[in-house]
């Protein structure tokens, strides 16, 4: 997939007219339909006035190619974090509701359990001693203070996920570090939950988190990996179309031979 063309098709071309004449000439071309400017994202020439103009040093940073693909992956991770934050916040709200209506819930659960017991006995299922019944009873036996702390912890975790999703969605460097640290802190807990009760849903969530940590550290050069932040910024600069055109312009100037200086008139020969 050509990520640059895909983005230009959705957002429009990112044309720019630099003030520097030599660089400006490399980004424009005359056509029968009018002057065309080169898109900083996909590299195509687009007829019409440029979207922006100014000194080349103040040109917008326009990600291209692989950088655009990485941005799509980060936004998918951000969307997954938002979904997870919403679910966790709903569980926290449910916990607070449980705190205020435990007596009614306990009575309803006991009534339903009594109705299901004859059916369970016929199929040989000890519903009273089942893991489901024990789990519900453990939750209903929690004190109001314990439920409050559980809800606070869930809301804090949901808030951390929202902060993480913001940093990933807007491709902030601090967001990448924050995502790796937060995800790594909770990975041991997720692995422990897998050992307690194995489900494919938990496996999928854990696999996503492990892959996200590895990918972010490697591709974004976090914590000094593959040259660290300096190498990451240099990589971004090298991908810029303006950087490429500047390098080509400098190389052309270096290859162009200097203009010959006219030779001075030779002195007249002796005796002439």
Protein backbone atom coordinates (compact mmCIF):
# COMPACT_ATOMS: atom_id res chain seq x y z
CA UNK A 1 0.00 0.00 0.00
CA UNK A 2 1.20 3.50 -0.84
CA UNK A 3 0.53 5.15 2.51
CA UNK A 4 1.41 8.62 1.16
CA UNK A 5 -1.13 8.50 -1.68
CA UNK A 6 -3.73 7.01 0.65
CA UNK A 7 -3.33 9.91 3.07
CA UNK A 8 -3.31 12.53 0.30
CA UNK A 9 -6.49 11.01 -1.13
CA UNK A 10 -8.20 11.44 2.23
CA UNK A 11 -6.74 14.76 3.41
CA UNK A 12 -5.58 16.46 0.25
CA UNK A 13 -2.06 17.19 -0.97
CA UNK A 14 0.43 19.05 1.23
CA UNK A 15 2.07 21.56 -1.16
CA UNK A 16 4.56 24.16 0.05
CA UNK A 17 6.29 27.10 -1.66
CA UNK A 18 9.68 27.81 -0.03
CA UNK A 19 11.08 31.35 -0.12
CA UNK A 20 14.51 30.10 -1.28
CA UNK A 21 14.56 30.51 -5.10
CA UNK A 22 16.69 27.44 -5.91
CA UNK A 23 14.60 25.15 -3.70
CA UNK A 24 11.42 26.76 -4.95
CA UNK A 25 12.35 25.92 -8.55
CA UNK A 26 12.73 22.23 -7.64
CA UNK A 27 9.23 22.08 -6.16
CA UNK A 28 7.33 23.75 -8.99
CA UNK A 29 6.73 23.08 -12.67
CA UNK A 30 4.85 24.94 -15.42
CA UNK A 31 2.01 23.03 -17.09
CA UNK A 32 -0.62 23.95 -19.72
CA UNK A 33 -3.18 23.98 -16.90
CA UNK A 34 -1.12 26.34 -14.74
CA UNK A 35 1.70 26.17 -12.22
CA UNK A 36 2.02 22.85 -10.39
CA UNK A 37 3.57 22.40 -6.95
CA UNK A 38 5.07 19.20 -5.60
CA UNK A 39 3.33 17.56 -2.68
CA UNK A 40 5.62 17.11 0.32
CA UNK A 41 3.84 13.88 1.22
CA UNK A 42 3.39 11.83 -1.99
CA UNK A 43 5.80 13.72 -4.26
CA UNK A 44 3.28 14.29 -7.08
CA UNK A 45 2.94 17.68 -8.80
CA UNK A 46 -0.44 19.31 -8.17
CA UNK A 47 -1.83 22.15 -10.26
CA UNK A 48 -2.97 25.15 -8.28
CA UNK A 49 -1.65 27.50 -5.59
CA UNK A 50 0.43 25.96 -2.81
CA UNK A 51 -1.30 25.25 0.46
CA UNK A 52 1.48 26.91 2.49
CA UNK A 53 4.54 29.05 1.88
CA UNK A 54 7.47 30.53 3.80
CA UNK A 55 11.09 29.75 4.67
CA UNK A 56 12.04 26.12 4.20
CA UNK A 57 13.10 25.87 7.86
CA UNK A 58 9.51 26.68 8.86
CA UNK A 59 7.90 24.12 6.55
CA UNK A 60 5.49 21.70 8.26
CA UNK A 61 6.77 18.26 9.14
CA UNK A 62 4.97 15.96 6.74
CA UNK A 63 5.41 12.22 7.45
CA UNK A 64 5.79 10.00 4.40
CA UNK A 65 5.82 6.31 3.54
CA UNK A 66 6.82 4.11 6.47
CA UNK A 67 6.32 6.94 8.95
CA UNK A 68 2.69 7.18 7.85
CA UNK A 69 2.29 3.43 8.31
CA UNK A 70 3.72 3.72 11.82
CA UNK A 71 1.26 6.52 12.56
CA UNK A 72 -1.65 4.30 11.52
CA UNK A 73 -0.41 1.51 13.81
CA UNK A 74 -0.09 3.93 16.73
CA UNK A 75 -3.62 5.21 16.20
CA UNK A 76 -4.95 1.66 16.14
CA UNK A 77 -3.20 1.11 19.48
CA UNK A 78 -4.71 4.35 20.77
CA UNK A 79 -8.20 3.23 19.74
CA UNK A 80 -7.68 -0.11 21.50
CA UNK A 81 -6.62 1.74 24.66
CA UNK A 82 -9.72 3.94 24.53
CA UNK A 83 -11.96 0.88 24.22
CA UNK A 84 -10.23 -0.78 27.14
CA UNK A 85 -10.50 2.42 29.23
CA UNK A 86 -14.25 2.63 28.61
CA UNK A 87 -14.76 -1.00 29.69
CA UNK A 88 -12.68 -0.53 32.85
CA UNK A 89 -14.53 2.69 33.73
CA UNK A 90 -17.86 0.86 33.31
CA UNK A 91 -16.65 -1.86 35.67
CA UNK A 92 -15.69 0.83 38.18
CA UNK A 93 -19.14 2.40 37.91
CA UNK A 94 -20.70 -1.06 38.35
CA UNK A 95 -18.61 -1.56 41.49
CA UNK A 96 -19.97 1.68 42.98
CA UNK A 97 -23.49 0.61 42.10
CA UNK A 98 -22.80 -2.75 43.74
CA UNK A 99 -21.69 -0.96 46.91
CA UNK A 100 -25.05 0.77 47.28
CA UNK A 101 -27.23 -2.25 46.49
CA UNK A 102 -25.40 -5.29 47.84
CA UNK A 103 -28.30 -6.42 50.01
CA UNK A 104 -30.77 -6.44 47.11
CA UNK A 105 -28.25 -8.16 44.83
CA UNK A 106 -27.48 -10.82 47.45
CA UNK A 107 -31.17 -11.56 47.87
CA UNK A 108 -31.74 -11.72 44.11
CA UNK A 109 -28.74 -14.00 43.67
CA UNK A 110 -29.93 -16.35 46.43
CA UNK A 111 -33.41 -16.49 44.87
CA UNK A 112 -32.03 -17.30 41.42
CA UNK A 113 -29.66 -19.86 42.90
CA UNK A 114 -32.58 -21.60 44.64
CA UNK A 115 -34.47 -21.80 41.35
CA UNK A 116 -31.48 -23.24 39.47
CA UNK A 117 -30.48 -25.78 42.16
CA UNK A 118 -32.98 -28.55 41.20
CA UNK A 119 -31.98 -28.33 37.54
CA UNK A 120 -28.27 -28.36 38.46
CA UNK A 121 -28.73 -31.43 40.70
CA UNK A 122 -30.34 -33.33 37.84
CA UNK A 123 -27.28 -32.81 35.62
CA UNK A 124 -24.85 -33.47 38.47
CA UNK A 125 -23.64 -29.89 38.88
CA UNK A 126 -22.95 -28.59 42.38
CA UNK A 127 -23.99 -25.03 41.67
CA UNK A 128 -23.69 -23.98 45.30
CA UNK A 129 -20.00 -24.92 45.39
CA UNK A 130 -19.22 -23.82 41.84
CA UNK A 131 -16.55 -21.25 41.03
CA UNK A 132 -19.25 -18.87 39.74
CA UNK A 133 -21.20 -18.93 43.00
CA UNK A 134 -18.05 -18.57 45.11
CA UNK A 135 -16.87 -15.65 42.99
CA UNK A 136 -20.18 -13.80 43.26
CA UNK A 137 -20.27 -14.37 47.00
CA UNK A 138 -16.71 -13.09 47.42
CA UNK A 139 -17.62 -9.90 45.58
CA UNK A 140 -20.83 -9.40 47.55
CA UNK A 141 -18.98 -9.96 50.83
CA UNK A 142 -16.59 -7.06 50.20
CA UNK A 143 -16.90 -4.09 52.51
CA UNK A 144 -17.94 -0.67 51.24
CA UNK A 145 -14.41 0.63 51.82
CA UNK A 146 -12.89 -2.19 49.79
CA UNK A 147 -15.33 -1.58 46.95
CA UNK A 148 -14.49 2.14 47.00
CA UNK A 149 -10.78 1.37 46.67
CA UNK A 150 -11.42 -1.08 43.85
CA UNK A 151 -13.47 1.55 42.00
CA UNK A 152 -10.78 4.21 42.53
CA UNK A 153 -8.10 1.86 41.22
CA UNK A 154 -10.19 1.07 38.15
CA UNK A 155 -10.87 4.74 37.42
CA UNK A 156 -7.18 5.62 37.81
CA UNK A 157 -6.20 2.84 35.44
CA UNK A 158 -8.82 3.98 32.92
CA UNK A 159 -7.45 7.54 33.15
CA UNK A 160 -3.91 6.29 32.51
CA UNK A 161 -5.13 4.46 29.42
CA UNK A 162 -6.80 7.63 28.14
CA UNK A 163 -3.59 9.62 28.66
CA UNK A 164 -1.68 6.89 26.85
CA UNK A 165 -4.15 6.89 23.96
CA UNK A 166 -3.85 10.68 23.62
CA UNK A 167 -0.06 10.50 23.38
CA UNK A 168 -0.22 7.67 20.83
CA UNK A 169 -2.95 9.23 18.69
CA UNK A 170 -1.11 12.54 18.35
CA UNK A 171 2.28 10.81 17.98
CA UNK A 172 3.89 12.45 21.00
CA UNK A 173 7.31 11.24 22.04
CA UNK A 174 6.32 11.27 25.71
CA UNK A 175 3.24 9.22 24.79
CA UNK A 176 5.44 6.47 23.36
CA UNK A 177 7.52 6.32 26.55
CA UNK A 178 4.38 6.49 28.72
CA UNK A 179 2.78 3.64 26.76
CA UNK A 180 5.82 1.38 27.09
CA UNK A 181 6.20 2.03 30.83
CA UNK A 182 2.51 1.63 31.72
CA UNK A 183 2.06 -1.47 29.57
CA UNK A 184 5.24 -3.09 30.91
CA UNK A 185 4.20 -2.47 34.53
CA UNK A 186 0.93 -4.37 34.07
CA UNK A 187 2.30 -7.19 31.92
CA UNK A 188 3.32 -9.38 34.93
CA UNK A 189 -0.23 -9.07 36.28
CA UNK A 190 -1.71 -10.09 32.92
CA UNK A 191 0.64 -13.09 32.69
CA UNK A 192 -0.27 -14.11 36.25
CA UNK A 193 -3.98 -13.92 35.34
CA UNK A 194 -3.29 -16.26 32.44
CA UNK A 195 -1.77 -18.81 34.80
CA UNK A 196 -4.81 -18.54 37.08
CA UNK A 197 -7.42 -18.84 34.33
CA UNK A 198 -6.57 -19.37 30.68
CA UNK A 199 -8.83 -17.75 28.06
CA UNK A 200 -8.11 -16.87 24.44
CA UNK A 201 -9.40 -13.34 25.05
CA UNK A 202 -6.77 -12.79 27.75
CA UNK A 203 -4.13 -14.32 25.48
CA UNK A 204 -5.07 -11.88 22.69
CA UNK A 205 -4.89 -8.85 25.00
CA UNK A 206 -1.55 -9.93 26.43
CA UNK A 207 -0.14 -10.61 22.96
CA UNK A 208 -1.22 -7.13 21.80
CA UNK A 209 0.51 -5.53 24.78
CA UNK A 210 3.74 -7.50 24.33
CA UNK A 211 3.83 -6.74 20.60
CA UNK A 212 3.12 -3.04 21.27
CA UNK A 213 6.01 -2.74 23.75
CA UNK A 214 8.48 -4.48 21.43
CA UNK A 215 7.36 -2.52 18.38
CA UNK A 216 7.43 0.87 20.11
CA UNK A 217 10.87 0.33 21.65
CA UNK A 218 12.35 -0.92 18.37
CA UNK A 219 10.72 1.31 15.75
CA UNK A 220 10.69 4.51 17.85
CA UNK A 221 14.22 3.89 19.20
CA UNK A 222 13.16 4.37 22.82
CA UNK A 223 15.53 4.10 25.80
CA UNK A 224 18.59 4.46 23.56
CA UNK A 225 17.75 1.49 21.33
CA UNK A 226 19.19 1.76 17.77
CA UNK A 227 20.75 5.14 18.45
CA UNK A 228 17.99 6.62 20.60
CA UNK A 229 16.29 9.95 20.12
CA UNK A 230 19.00 11.53 17.94
CA UNK A 231 18.80 8.68 15.43
CA UNK A 232 15.00 8.85 15.52
CA UNK A 233 14.98 12.58 14.72
CA UNK A 234 17.59 12.09 11.99
CA UNK A 235 15.42 9.36 10.46
CA UNK A 236 12.44 11.70 10.39
CA UNK A 237 14.53 14.43 8.78
CA UNK A 238 15.86 12.08 6.12
CA UNK A 239 12.32 11.09 5.16
CA UNK A 240 11.33 14.71 4.55
CA UNK A 241 10.98 15.63 0.86
CA UNK A 242 12.48 19.05 1.54
CA UNK A 243 15.54 17.40 3.07
CA UNK A 244 15.89 15.17 0.00
CA UNK A 245 15.59 18.12 -2.37
CA UNK A 246 18.08 20.17 -0.39
CA UNK A 247 20.58 17.33 -0.50
CA UNK A 248 20.07 16.95 -4.26
CA UNK A 249 20.50 20.70 -4.76
CA UNK A 250 23.73 20.71 -2.73
CA UNK A 251 25.05 17.72 -4.67
CA UNK A 252 24.25 19.40 -8.01
CA UNK A 253 26.08 22.52 -6.95
CA UNK A 254 29.11 20.48 -5.92
CA UNK A 255 29.18 18.70 -9.29
CA UNK A 256 28.74 21.86 -11.39
CA UNK A 257 32.20 23.06 -12.51
CA UNK A 258 33.16 26.55 -11.55
CA UNK A 259 32.80 29.19 -14.29
CA UNK A 260 36.10 29.69 -16.10
CA UNK A 261 37.74 33.04 -15.35
CA UNK A 262 38.55 34.92 -18.60
CA UNK A 263 42.28 34.85 -19.30
CA UNK A 264 44.10 38.15 -19.21
CA UNK A 265 45.54 39.57 -22.43
CA UNK A 266 49.01 38.13 -22.99
CA UNK A 267 51.82 40.75 -22.88
CA UNK A 268 53.10 41.78 -26.35
CA UNK A 269 56.07 39.83 -27.61
CA UNK A 270 59.43 41.54 -27.41
CA UNK A 271 60.31 43.57 -30.51
CA UNK A 272 56.76 43.76 -31.77
